[in-house]
Protein backbone atom coordinates (compact mmCIF):
# COMPACT_ATOMS: atom_id res chain seq x y z
CA MET A 1 39.40 -136.25 -3.08
CA VAL A 2 43.17 -137.13 -3.24
CA ALA A 3 45.55 -139.53 -1.52
CA ILE A 4 49.31 -139.94 -1.32
CA VAL A 5 49.61 -143.50 -1.70
CA THR A 6 53.27 -143.48 -0.82
CA PRO A 7 55.29 -143.16 1.16
CA PRO A 8 53.83 -144.03 4.15
CA ASP A 9 53.28 -141.52 7.04
CA GLY A 10 56.45 -141.67 9.17
CA ALA A 11 59.20 -142.42 6.75
CA ARG A 12 62.82 -141.30 7.51
CA TYR A 13 64.93 -139.95 4.32
CA GLU A 14 68.31 -139.18 4.25
CA PRO A 15 69.40 -135.34 3.83
CA GLY A 16 69.87 -134.85 0.01
CA GLU A 17 67.47 -137.42 -0.28
CA LYS A 18 64.95 -137.11 -3.12
CA ILE A 19 61.49 -138.37 -2.21
CA SER A 20 59.48 -139.94 -4.43
CA LEU A 21 55.58 -139.84 -4.24
CA THR A 22 52.93 -141.89 -5.76
CA VAL A 23 49.70 -139.59 -5.55
CA ALA A 24 46.12 -140.67 -6.66
CA ALA A 25 43.17 -138.11 -7.01
CA ALA A 26 39.21 -137.92 -8.42
CA ALA A 27 37.23 -135.30 -9.55
CA SER A 28 33.98 -135.78 -10.40
CA ARG A 29 34.68 -132.22 -13.28
CA ASN A 30 38.01 -133.71 -14.14
CA VAL A 31 41.36 -133.12 -12.08
CA ILE A 32 43.42 -131.12 -14.03
CA ARG A 33 46.20 -131.21 -11.93
CA VAL A 34 47.78 -132.30 -8.34
CA GLU A 35 50.08 -129.64 -5.73
CA ILE A 36 52.58 -130.62 -3.38
CA MET A 37 52.62 -128.86 -0.71
CA LEU A 38 54.77 -127.92 2.71
CA ASP A 39 53.72 -126.40 5.55
CA GLY A 40 50.86 -124.30 3.08
CA GLN A 41 53.71 -123.43 0.07
CA ILE A 42 53.65 -125.27 -3.38
CA VAL A 43 56.69 -126.83 -4.10
CA ALA A 44 55.78 -129.48 -7.01
CA VAL A 45 53.01 -129.13 -9.50
CA GLN A 46 51.84 -132.02 -11.79
CA PRO A 47 49.02 -131.70 -14.45
CA ASN A 48 47.08 -133.84 -15.84
CA PRO A 49 47.78 -133.64 -19.59
CA GLU A 50 44.33 -135.09 -20.47
CA PRO A 51 41.75 -134.18 -17.92
CA SER A 52 40.03 -137.25 -16.15
CA LEU A 53 37.95 -138.52 -13.32
CA THR A 54 40.58 -140.18 -11.91
CA PHE A 55 44.24 -139.35 -12.09
CA SER A 56 47.41 -141.14 -11.12
CA THR A 57 51.03 -139.74 -10.87
CA ARG A 58 54.29 -139.51 -9.77
CA ILE A 59 55.82 -136.95 -8.01
CA GLU A 60 60.37 -136.37 -7.24
CA TYR A 61 60.10 -133.88 -4.70
CA ALA A 62 64.24 -133.06 -2.77
CA PRO A 63 63.57 -131.35 0.68
CA ARG A 64 65.85 -128.36 1.30
CA ALA A 65 65.06 -128.67 5.34
CA GLN A 66 66.08 -131.37 7.93
CA GLY A 67 63.76 -132.63 10.53
CA ARG A 68 59.14 -133.86 10.48
CA LEU A 69 57.97 -131.97 6.92
CA ARG A 70 54.69 -131.97 6.77
CA LEU A 71 53.51 -132.67 2.88
CA SER A 72 50.25 -132.43 1.85
CA ALA A 73 49.46 -132.93 -1.38
CA VAL A 74 45.89 -131.16 -3.54
CA ALA A 75 44.01 -132.12 -5.98
CA VAL A 76 42.67 -129.30 -8.13
CA ASP A 77 39.36 -129.66 -10.90
CA SER A 78 38.53 -128.21 -14.24
CA ALA A 79 36.28 -125.53 -12.26
CA GLY A 80 39.33 -124.51 -10.15
CA VAL A 81 38.33 -126.18 -6.95
CA ALA A 82 40.70 -127.76 -4.78
CA SER A 83 40.14 -130.89 -2.65
CA ALA A 84 40.79 -131.00 1.18
CA PRO A 85 44.72 -131.50 1.38
CA TYR A 86 45.76 -135.13 2.34
CA THR A 87 48.86 -134.81 4.74
CA ILE A 88 51.49 -137.04 5.74
CA THR A 89 54.55 -136.38 7.81
CA LEU A 90 58.04 -137.71 6.55
CA ILE A 91 61.45 -137.27 8.71
CA VAL A 92 64.61 -135.99 6.95
CA GLY A 93 68.34 -136.52 9.05
CA ASP A 94 68.17 -137.40 12.24
CA GLU A 95 65.38 -137.02 15.25
CA SER A 96 64.65 -138.64 18.14
CA SER A 97 62.81 -142.08 17.42
CA ALA A 98 60.70 -141.10 20.16
CA ALA A 99 58.87 -138.70 17.95
CA LEU A 100 58.10 -140.88 15.04
CA PRO A 101 54.50 -141.91 14.35
CA PRO A 102 54.87 -145.42 15.81
CA ILE A 103 52.02 -146.94 13.80
CA GLU A 104 54.58 -146.51 10.36
CA MET A 105 57.95 -146.84 11.84
CA THR A 106 57.22 -150.28 13.80
CA PRO A 107 57.66 -153.50 11.99
CA VAL A 108 55.19 -155.73 12.64
CA ILE A 109 56.69 -159.26 13.55
CA GLY A 110 54.91 -162.66 12.27
CA PRO A 111 56.01 -166.40 12.60
CA GLY A 112 59.63 -166.90 13.54
CA GLY A 113 60.54 -163.47 14.10
CA CYS A 114 59.87 -162.30 10.18
CA VAL A 115 58.32 -159.07 8.96
CA LEU A 116 55.32 -158.97 7.70
CA MET A 117 55.01 -157.30 4.17
CA ALA A 118 52.40 -157.27 1.47
CA ASP A 119 52.09 -155.83 -1.87
CA PHE A 120 49.90 -154.26 -4.09
CA VAL A 121 50.01 -155.95 -7.36
CA GLU A 122 46.76 -154.82 -9.36
CA ASP A 123 42.79 -153.53 -9.23
CA VAL A 124 41.06 -156.91 -10.40
CA ASN A 125 37.41 -154.93 -11.42
CA VAL A 126 35.65 -151.65 -10.49
CA PRO A 127 38.76 -149.26 -12.15
CA ASP A 128 39.15 -145.97 -10.07
CA GLY A 129 36.46 -143.39 -10.97
CA THR A 130 33.55 -146.33 -11.85
CA PRO A 131 29.93 -144.87 -11.29
CA ILE A 132 28.42 -146.99 -8.81
CA PRO A 133 24.33 -146.38 -8.21
CA ALA A 134 23.55 -145.07 -4.95
CA GLY A 135 22.95 -148.05 -1.86
CA THR A 136 24.22 -150.44 -4.52
CA THR A 137 26.62 -153.61 -2.95
CA PHE A 138 29.19 -154.56 -5.44
CA VAL A 139 32.30 -156.17 -5.13
CA LYS A 140 35.78 -155.06 -4.78
CA THR A 141 38.76 -157.26 -6.14
CA TRP A 142 42.43 -156.55 -5.29
CA ARG A 143 45.54 -158.81 -6.25
CA MET A 144 48.25 -158.79 -4.09
CA ARG A 145 51.04 -160.66 -2.75
CA ASN A 146 53.35 -162.17 0.04
CA THR A 147 56.04 -159.98 0.15
CA SER A 148 57.12 -161.30 4.10
CA SER A 149 60.01 -164.14 4.15
CA CYS A 150 57.11 -166.41 5.93
CA ASP A 151 54.16 -167.99 4.71
CA TRP A 152 50.58 -166.70 6.24
CA GLY A 153 48.40 -169.43 7.89
CA GLU A 154 44.57 -169.00 9.03
CA GLY A 155 43.49 -165.83 11.00
CA TYR A 156 44.97 -163.32 8.41
CA ALA A 157 42.25 -160.49 6.79
CA ILE A 158 41.72 -157.51 4.92
CA ALA A 159 40.44 -154.70 6.70
CA PHE A 160 38.78 -151.05 6.71
CA PHE A 161 41.77 -148.50 7.20
CA SER A 162 40.37 -144.94 6.37
CA ASP A 163 38.60 -142.87 4.33
CA THR A 164 34.81 -143.73 4.23
CA PRO A 165 33.40 -147.29 5.58
CA MET A 166 31.22 -149.19 3.12
CA HIS A 167 31.40 -152.37 4.60
CA PRO A 168 29.58 -153.73 7.73
CA THR A 169 31.88 -154.96 9.46
CA GLY A 170 34.70 -153.76 8.44
CA SER A 171 37.17 -156.84 7.30
CA GLU A 172 37.04 -159.96 5.84
CA PRO A 173 39.70 -162.97 5.85
CA ILE A 174 41.99 -164.01 3.38
CA ARG A 175 43.18 -167.79 2.39
CA PRO A 176 46.46 -168.89 3.99
CA THR A 177 49.27 -167.73 1.46
CA PRO A 178 52.65 -168.89 1.21
CA SER A 179 56.01 -166.17 1.15
CA ASN A 180 56.10 -165.00 -2.73
CA GLY A 181 52.70 -166.12 -3.20
CA LEU A 182 50.03 -164.05 -5.19
CA PHE A 183 46.71 -163.93 -3.73
CA GLU A 184 43.58 -161.93 -4.68
CA VAL A 185 41.29 -160.81 -2.05
CA SER A 186 37.79 -159.83 -2.65
CA VAL A 187 35.31 -157.24 -0.17
CA PRO A 188 31.12 -156.64 -0.55
CA LEU A 189 30.73 -152.81 -0.39
CA THR A 190 27.95 -150.69 -0.37
CA ALA A 191 27.69 -147.58 -2.18
CA PRO A 192 27.18 -144.54 -0.40
CA THR A 193 23.85 -143.16 -0.41
CA GLN A 194 24.41 -139.42 -1.20
CA PRO A 195 25.87 -138.44 -4.81
CA GLY A 196 29.70 -137.89 -4.59
CA ILE A 197 33.09 -139.00 -5.19
CA TYR A 198 33.97 -141.78 -1.97
CA THR A 199 37.16 -143.51 -0.84
CA THR A 200 37.58 -146.65 0.82
CA THR A 201 41.09 -147.47 1.89
CA TRP A 202 41.78 -151.07 3.42
CA ARG A 203 45.33 -152.85 4.52
CA LEU A 204 45.67 -156.52 5.80
CA ARG A 205 45.91 -157.39 9.27
CA ASP A 206 47.45 -160.06 11.03
CA PRO A 207 46.11 -162.44 13.74
CA ALA A 208 46.69 -160.33 16.23
CA GLY A 209 45.01 -156.94 14.58
CA ARG A 210 48.14 -155.08 13.46
CA PHE A 211 48.20 -153.13 10.15
CA PHE A 212 50.66 -154.34 7.73
CA GLY A 213 51.44 -153.81 4.04
CA ASN A 214 50.34 -151.18 1.30
CA ARG A 215 47.44 -149.48 1.50
CA VAL A 216 44.42 -150.51 -1.05
CA PHE A 217 41.49 -148.14 -2.88
CA ALA A 218 38.47 -148.44 -4.15
CA VAL A 219 37.31 -144.88 -5.61
CA ILE A 220 33.77 -145.00 -6.74
CA ARG A 221 31.32 -141.80 -8.05
CA VAL A 222 28.06 -142.02 -7.18
CA PRO A 223 25.55 -140.27 -9.51
């Protein structure tokens, strides 16, 4: 499996500006490289110097074309098998704002008109690629920071965003957090019953149910 962690889908760049992609991958037979493709053609390759079950890397790409670019990341394992592509659309240069993906391009406005933001800091436990027995419940904890200019009160939560659901309700409340404050959020998850490598992706959600901030992941291996 592979995911483009940053930039978000729908991000805008100026012509000539380099795009820095953060890519995370996992494979049961070790990740040997990550490929970046534009419209099906490989434009960048990042080898894994020490093939491993999980691999996170940063790849820079300077687009030659303007407009809407569909960039895909693919992970390749030691048997030469490629993952399904993970695709985002980026905007380079001018384009009508009506054509932009609204979910990522529209800021989420919180109390007093501040833009709600949150940054991932680190995984507290269950590192990516941790083996979890089939059907077993475990707790994943992330450390994050409130990078909004306002405090968060009651009603904020972390919620399932994409990939594999492993939680019965799909959300857990988070405690009130001041601006620039660190906080830890823990989510009880249940591993799927079939062997494989699974990713579950979560984001913060405001009291109105709007997603904002960095995505966070749990990547597990079910033997």
